[in-house]
Amino acid sequence: MNLIKTKIKVLIVDDSAIVRKILKQQLDKCEDIEVIATAPDPFIARDKIVELKPDVITLDVEMPKMDGITFLKKIMQYYPMPVIILSSLTPQGSKTAMEALSAGAVEVISKPGSSYTVGQACENLIEKIRIASKANIKKTANLDNSDSKPLHMAETTNKIFAIGASTGGVQALTSVITRLPSNAPGTVIVQHMPAQFTSSFAERLNGLSAVHVKEAKNGDSVIPGQVLIAPGGFHMLLQRSGANYYVAIKDGPNVCHQKPSVEVLFNSVAKYAGANAVGAILTGMGNDGAKGLLSMRQNGAHTIAQDEASCIVFGMPKEAIKENAAEKIVSLNNIPQALLNFAVS
């Protein structure tokens, strides 16, 4: 009996007729992807969404009648589904990209430029469409912290929080970090993200949080009340000098296909912090960090994996759970308190 595989239905929303044509031509070459429609603006796209029910939408930002970010927010409110932002992003425009990710976009991809060819862009987009089609958007699109209770803990100066995330991590990390108290243990984070995004993400998160959040620089101290986010394109490792922790920012080959890699961070935390650390692996595609979290657990650290129901992509947590690396499996809303409980246990 032959089983017919269902193709991933894609709606392309872009005001450029040339972009729509190129994307459709490239995507239609894939056996598992079908472009069911294109739309030059959000109003036409809205009708196509209702009529055709696409699995994934690619969405430009700068469009007539309604900008892509506003439309994205409406999609997530009324018809939540996987959305990939495909835009002409620059370092100056990365705040817009962060806004898109925070509003619920699964990925943000730059349109081709001087160092990024059409072929590379389409290859990247195809991979992201396949990942996005499996994203669990409906269960997480309406996350908010409006009913969160204040979190309090006794001050500790010798604990470390180490957190890794990928697809869906912007929303997940925002949910976690904004609910930590100002005296929370020093926190180190790897979020799979290109170089031009990490500083904007840290800046945005800093404005929302009681803790101080910054993009990590080589030699930065890991201290209570501060969160360090690994810069895109570099690995971040925890180091120790006497009783003091700091981070090293290093170049090198990709690990688990990633740079920065959660695996690299977690292994260094296992080595230098041991039982003084608490690790958490959040939503994301692939297996980055699974063995590193296991190493942390084997060295005495408490470890947490986000549960499937609250993940946008249950890849990295699933692999960590399979490795028996997670001491606890916790829903996203309960992770901040779980981290804090472990910090004083």
Protein backbone atom coordinates (compact mmCIF):
# COMPACT_ATOMS: atom_id res chain seq x y z
CA MET A 1 0.00 0.00 0.00
CA ASN A 2 1.47 3.37 -1.04
CA LEU A 3 1.14 6.17 1.46
CA ILE A 4 0.69 9.64 -0.02
CA LYS A 5 2.72 12.21 1.89
CA THR A 6 0.93 15.46 2.58
CA LYS A 7 2.81 18.46 1.28
CA ILE A 8 3.50 21.51 3.43
CA LYS A 9 1.13 24.23 2.20
CA VAL A 10 2.86 27.62 2.02
CA LEU A 11 1.44 31.10 1.53
CA ILE A 12 3.94 33.75 0.34
CA VAL A 13 3.14 37.33 1.39
CA ASP A 14 5.37 39.96 -0.22
CA ASP A 15 4.67 43.19 -2.09
CA SER A 16 7.39 42.43 -4.67
CA ALA A 17 6.11 40.45 -7.67
CA ILE A 18 9.68 39.37 -8.45
CA VAL A 19 10.23 38.01 -4.94
CA ARG A 20 6.92 36.15 -5.02
CA LYS A 21 7.80 34.62 -8.40
CA ILE A 22 11.32 33.53 -7.35
CA LEU A 23 10.17 32.07 -4.06
CA LYS A 24 7.33 30.15 -5.69
CA GLN A 25 9.65 28.74 -8.36
CA GLN A 26 12.20 27.57 -5.82
CA LEU A 27 9.75 26.18 -3.27
CA ASP A 28 7.72 24.32 -5.88
CA LYS A 29 10.86 22.34 -6.74
CA CYS A 30 10.60 20.62 -3.35
CA GLU A 31 8.64 17.38 -3.27
CA ASP A 32 7.31 18.08 0.20
CA ILE A 33 6.38 21.76 -0.23
CA GLU A 34 3.56 23.37 -2.21
CA VAL A 35 2.99 27.10 -2.62
CA ILE A 36 -0.79 27.24 -2.51
CA ALA A 37 -0.99 31.01 -3.03
CA THR A 38 0.85 34.32 -2.99
CA ALA A 39 -0.36 37.71 -1.78
CA PRO A 40 0.96 41.25 -2.37
CA ASP A 41 -0.41 42.68 0.87
CA PRO A 42 -1.86 41.59 4.24
CA PHE A 43 -5.49 42.18 3.25
CA ILE A 44 -5.32 39.74 0.36
CA ALA A 45 -3.27 37.41 2.56
CA ARG A 46 -5.98 37.46 5.21
CA ASP A 47 -8.54 36.15 2.72
CA LYS A 48 -6.13 33.49 1.50
CA ILE A 49 -5.51 32.31 5.06
CA VAL A 50 -9.22 31.89 5.74
CA GLU A 51 -9.88 30.21 2.40
CA LEU A 52 -6.84 27.95 2.00
CA LYS A 53 -5.61 27.35 5.56
CA PRO A 54 -1.84 27.27 4.86
CA ASP A 55 0.56 25.33 7.08
CA VAL A 56 3.27 28.01 6.95
CA ILE A 57 3.35 31.68 5.91
CA THR A 58 6.38 33.62 4.69
CA LEU A 59 5.88 37.29 5.45
CA ASP A 60 7.67 40.48 4.44
CA VAL A 61 7.84 43.42 6.86
CA GLU A 62 7.68 46.51 4.66
CA MET A 63 4.41 46.28 2.71
CA PRO A 64 1.60 48.61 1.63
CA LYS A 65 -1.68 48.98 3.56
CA MET A 66 -0.34 47.22 6.67
CA ASP A 67 3.20 46.45 7.82
CA GLY A 68 4.22 42.84 8.38
CA ILE A 69 4.69 43.13 12.15
CA THR A 70 1.16 44.47 12.67
CA PHE A 71 -0.21 41.72 10.44
CA LEU A 72 1.83 39.10 12.30
CA LYS A 73 0.28 40.18 15.59
CA LYS A 74 -3.19 39.88 14.08
CA ILE A 75 -2.40 36.40 12.74
CA MET A 76 -1.22 35.23 16.16
CA GLN A 77 -4.32 36.68 17.79
CA TYR A 78 -6.96 35.36 15.42
CA TYR A 79 -5.40 32.50 13.46
CA PRO A 80 -2.12 31.42 15.10
CA MET A 81 0.14 29.49 12.74
CA PRO A 82 3.84 29.20 11.87
CA VAL A 83 5.10 32.43 10.31
CA ILE A 84 8.57 33.02 8.87
CA ILE A 85 9.57 36.64 8.42
CA LEU A 86 11.54 37.12 5.18
CA SER A 87 12.80 40.68 5.07
CA SER A 88 15.67 42.91 3.99
CA LEU A 89 17.18 43.08 7.48
CA THR A 90 20.20 45.16 8.43
CA PRO A 91 21.98 45.47 11.80
CA GLN A 92 20.00 48.69 12.27
CA GLY A 93 16.78 46.84 11.52
CA SER A 94 17.42 43.98 13.90
CA LYS A 95 15.13 45.50 16.50
CA THR A 96 12.30 44.92 14.04
CA ALA A 97 13.41 41.31 13.73
CA MET A 98 13.35 40.94 17.50
CA GLU A 99 9.88 42.45 17.58
CA ALA A 100 8.77 39.87 15.02
CA LEU A 101 10.19 36.97 17.01
CA SER A 102 8.62 38.31 20.19
CA ALA A 103 5.27 38.63 18.40
CA GLY A 104 5.33 34.95 17.51
CA ALA A 105 7.35 34.48 14.31
CA VAL A 106 9.07 31.10 14.24
CA GLU A 107 12.08 32.43 12.32
CA VAL A 108 13.40 35.64 10.78
CA ILE A 109 15.41 35.28 7.57
CA SER A 110 17.24 38.01 5.68
CA LYS A 111 16.54 38.50 1.99
CA PRO A 112 19.50 38.05 -0.36
CA GLY A 113 22.13 40.78 -0.26
CA SER A 114 25.75 41.39 -1.17
CA SER A 115 26.95 38.44 0.91
CA TYR A 116 23.84 36.26 0.76
CA THR A 117 22.76 34.78 -2.59
CA VAL A 118 19.30 33.89 -3.80
CA GLY A 119 20.26 30.21 -3.73
CA GLN A 120 21.48 30.41 -0.13
CA ALA A 121 18.38 32.33 0.92
CA CYS A 122 16.02 29.80 -0.67
CA GLU A 123 17.95 26.85 0.75
CA ASN A 124 17.74 28.41 4.20
CA LEU A 125 14.05 29.19 3.76
CA ILE A 126 13.23 25.62 2.69
CA GLU A 127 14.89 24.24 5.82
CA LYS A 128 13.03 26.73 8.04
CA ILE A 129 9.69 25.95 6.38
CA ARG A 130 10.13 22.27 7.19
CA ILE A 131 10.92 23.09 10.80
CA ALA A 132 8.12 25.65 11.07
CA SER A 133 5.54 23.20 9.73
CA LYS A 134 6.04 21.12 12.87
CA ALA A 135 5.91 24.06 15.27
CA ASN A 136 3.35 23.88 18.05
CA ILE A 137 2.14 27.45 17.65
CA LYS A 138 -1.43 27.24 18.95
CA LYS A 139 -0.35 26.13 22.40
CA THR A 140 2.07 29.00 22.90
CA ALA A 141 0.85 31.90 20.80
CA ASN A 142 -0.99 33.59 23.66
CA LEU A 143 1.64 33.31 26.38
CA ASP A 144 1.67 36.19 28.78
CA ASN A 145 2.78 36.81 32.31
CA SER A 146 -0.08 39.00 33.43
CA ASP A 147 -1.10 36.54 36.14
CA SER A 148 2.44 35.81 37.31
CA LYS A 149 3.04 36.16 41.01
CA PRO A 150 6.16 37.92 42.26
CA LEU A 151 9.02 35.51 42.83
CA HIS A 152 11.17 35.82 45.93
CA MET A 153 14.25 33.92 47.01
CA ALA A 154 17.07 34.18 49.47
CA GLU A 155 20.12 35.80 47.89
CA THR A 156 22.73 33.33 46.68
CA THR A 157 26.10 34.23 45.20
CA ASN A 158 27.46 30.82 44.25
CA LYS A 159 24.77 29.42 41.97
CA ILE A 160 24.68 29.56 38.19
CA PHE A 161 21.67 29.28 35.87
CA ALA A 162 22.56 27.91 32.43
CA ILE A 163 19.81 27.93 29.78
CA GLY A 164 19.76 26.78 26.17
CA ALA A 165 17.09 27.37 23.52
CA SER A 166 16.53 27.48 19.77
CA THR A 167 13.32 27.74 17.70
CA GLY A 168 10.69 29.47 19.82
CA GLY A 169 13.33 30.47 22.33
CA VAL A 170 12.77 34.22 22.10
CA GLN A 171 9.26 33.85 23.51
CA ALA A 172 10.28 31.15 25.98
CA LEU A 173 13.28 33.06 27.31
CA THR A 174 11.22 36.23 27.59
CA SER A 175 8.69 34.33 29.68
CA VAL A 176 11.43 32.97 31.95
CA ILE A 177 13.83 35.88 32.33
CA THR A 178 11.18 38.57 32.88
CA ARG A 179 9.93 36.58 35.86
CA LEU A 180 13.27 36.31 37.67
CA PRO A 181 13.86 38.61 40.66
CA SER A 182 16.62 41.19 40.61
CA ASN A 183 18.83 39.07 42.87
CA ALA A 184 18.54 35.87 40.82
CA PRO A 185 21.70 33.81 40.37
CA GLY A 186 24.02 34.80 37.55
CA THR A 187 22.60 33.40 34.32
CA VAL A 188 24.29 32.33 31.09
CA ILE A 189 22.19 31.70 27.96
CA VAL A 190 22.73 30.28 24.51
CA GLN A 191 19.94 31.08 22.07
CA HIS A 192 20.51 30.01 18.47
CA MET A 193 20.50 33.37 16.73
CA PRO A 194 22.57 35.20 14.09
CA ALA A 195 25.15 37.74 15.20
CA GLN A 196 23.10 40.82 14.36
CA PHE A 197 20.22 39.70 16.58
CA THR A 198 21.75 38.83 19.94
CA SER A 199 22.58 42.37 21.06
CA SER A 200 19.09 43.60 20.16
CA PHE A 201 17.51 40.63 21.92
CA ALA A 202 19.55 41.31 25.05
CA GLU A 203 18.68 45.02 24.93
CA ARG A 204 14.98 44.32 24.56
CA LEU A 205 14.97 41.70 27.32
CA ASN A 206 16.87 44.05 29.60
CA GLY A 207 14.11 46.62 29.27
CA LEU A 208 11.50 44.08 30.34
CA SER A 209 13.32 42.42 33.23
CA ALA A 210 14.29 43.03 36.84
CA VAL A 211 17.66 41.41 36.15
CA HIS A 212 20.30 43.11 33.99
CA VAL A 213 20.54 41.46 30.57
CA LYS A 214 23.41 42.00 28.14
CA GLU A 215 25.16 40.37 25.21
CA ALA A 216 28.18 38.64 26.70
CA LYS A 217 31.71 39.88 26.10
CA ASN A 218 34.88 37.97 26.78
CA GLY A 219 35.75 38.14 30.48
CA ASP A 220 32.31 39.28 31.69
CA SER A 221 31.65 38.24 35.28
CA VAL A 222 28.74 35.94 36.07
CA ILE A 223 27.18 37.60 39.08
CA PRO A 224 23.78 37.64 40.80
CA GLY A 225 21.25 39.81 39.04
CA GLN A 226 22.94 39.61 35.63
CA VAL A 227 22.07 37.59 32.52
CA LEU A 228 24.66 37.04 29.79
CA ILE A 229 23.51 36.01 26.31
CA ALA A 230 26.06 34.36 24.02
CA PRO A 231 26.85 36.54 20.99
CA GLY A 232 25.78 35.11 17.65
CA GLY A 233 28.62 33.43 15.77
CA PHE A 234 30.71 32.64 18.87
CA HIS A 235 30.73 29.96 21.54
CA MET A 236 30.37 30.96 25.20
CA LEU A 237 32.02 28.98 27.99
CA LEU A 238 31.80 29.33 31.75
CA GLN A 239 35.18 29.71 33.48
CA ARG A 240 36.23 30.02 37.09
CA SER A 241 38.88 31.97 38.95
CA GLY A 242 38.83 31.07 42.62
CA ALA A 243 35.25 31.63 43.79
CA ASN A 244 34.43 33.90 40.87
CA TYR A 245 32.78 32.86 37.62
CA TYR A 246 33.23 34.58 34.26
CA VAL A 247 32.66 33.75 30.60
CA ALA A 248 35.04 33.19 27.72
CA ILE A 249 33.85 34.04 24.21
CA LYS A 250 35.61 31.92 21.60
CA ASP A 251 35.49 31.17 17.91
CA GLY A 252 35.72 27.63 16.61
CA PRO A 253 33.88 25.01 14.59
CA ASN A 254 30.14 24.51 14.88
CA VAL A 255 29.08 22.01 17.54
CA CYS A 256 25.80 20.17 16.96
CA HIS A 257 25.63 22.29 13.78
CA GLN A 258 25.48 25.46 15.91
CA LYS A 259 27.61 28.40 16.97
CA PRO A 260 26.94 29.39 19.68
CA SER A 261 26.24 25.87 20.90
CA VAL A 262 24.29 24.92 24.01
CA GLU A 263 26.45 21.80 24.24
CA VAL A 264 29.62 23.87 24.60
CA LEU A 265 28.10 26.05 27.31
CA PHE A 266 26.59 23.18 29.30
CA ASN A 267 29.81 21.14 29.24
CA SER A 268 31.77 24.10 30.59
CA VAL A 269 29.15 24.66 33.30
CA ALA A 270 29.36 20.98 34.25
CA LYS A 271 33.14 21.31 34.55
CA TYR A 272 33.45 24.58 36.41
CA ALA A 273 30.20 24.91 38.39
CA GLY A 274 29.15 21.31 39.00
CA ALA A 275 26.57 21.07 41.77
CA ASN A 276 26.44 24.88 42.02
CA ALA A 277 24.57 25.07 38.73
CA VAL A 278 20.99 24.67 37.53
CA GLY A 279 20.49 23.88 33.84
CA ALA A 280 17.40 24.25 31.67
CA ILE A 281 16.88 23.25 28.06
CA LEU A 282 13.99 24.92 26.27
CA THR A 283 12.14 24.69 22.98
CA GLY A 284 14.20 24.08 19.85
CA MET A 285 14.97 21.88 16.88
CA GLY A 286 17.72 19.26 17.00
CA ASN A 287 19.75 17.80 19.85
CA ASP A 288 22.10 20.64 20.84
CA GLY A 289 22.65 20.59 24.60
CA ALA A 290 21.20 17.16 25.37
CA LYS A 291 24.50 15.49 26.26
CA GLY A 292 25.76 18.67 27.89
CA LEU A 293 22.74 18.75 30.19
CA LEU A 294 23.44 15.11 31.04
CA SER A 295 27.02 16.05 31.91
CA MET A 296 25.70 18.78 34.18
CA ARG A 297 23.41 16.32 35.93
CA GLN A 298 26.19 13.79 36.33
CA ASN A 299 28.31 16.49 37.95
CA GLY A 300 25.65 17.28 40.54
CA ALA A 301 23.67 20.07 38.89
CA HIS A 302 19.90 20.22 38.98
CA THR A 303 18.46 19.98 35.47
CA ILE A 304 15.17 20.92 33.80
CA ALA A 305 13.63 20.25 30.39
CA GLN A 306 10.63 22.15 29.03
CA ASP A 307 7.62 19.90 28.53
CA GLU A 308 6.19 19.05 25.11
CA ALA A 309 2.87 20.82 25.62
CA SER A 310 4.51 24.23 26.09
CA CYS A 311 7.26 23.86 23.46
CA ILE A 312 7.00 25.39 20.01
CA VAL A 313 9.39 22.66 18.81
CA PHE A 314 9.89 19.68 21.13
CA GLY A 315 13.30 18.71 19.75
CA MET A 316 16.09 19.68 22.12
CA PRO A 317 14.10 18.96 25.31
CA LYS A 318 12.96 15.62 23.87
CA GLU A 319 16.55 14.58 23.15
CA ALA A 320 17.63 15.64 26.64
CA ILE A 321 14.82 13.61 28.18
CA LYS A 322 15.84 10.58 26.08
CA GLU A 323 19.38 10.95 27.46
CA ASN A 324 17.95 10.96 31.01
CA ALA A 325 19.53 14.39 31.37
CA ALA A 326 16.46 16.10 32.85
CA GLU A 327 15.82 15.79 36.56
CA LYS A 328 12.46 17.49 36.06
CA ILE A 329 10.19 18.07 33.05
CA VAL A 330 8.41 21.38 33.56
CA SER A 331 5.92 23.55 31.67
CA LEU A 332 7.23 26.91 30.51
CA ASN A 333 5.15 28.92 32.97
CA ASN A 334 6.62 26.94 35.88
CA ILE A 335 10.27 27.02 34.82
CA PRO A 336 11.20 30.33 36.56
CA GLN A 337 10.02 29.04 39.93
CA ALA A 338 11.63 25.64 39.33
CA LEU A 339 14.96 27.34 38.67
CA LEU A 340 14.66 29.40 41.82
CA ASN A 341 13.59 26.42 43.95
CA PHE A 342 16.61 24.46 42.79
CA ALA A 343 18.89 27.42 43.49
CA VAL A 344 18.13 27.27 47.20
CA SER A 345 17.90 23.48 47.53
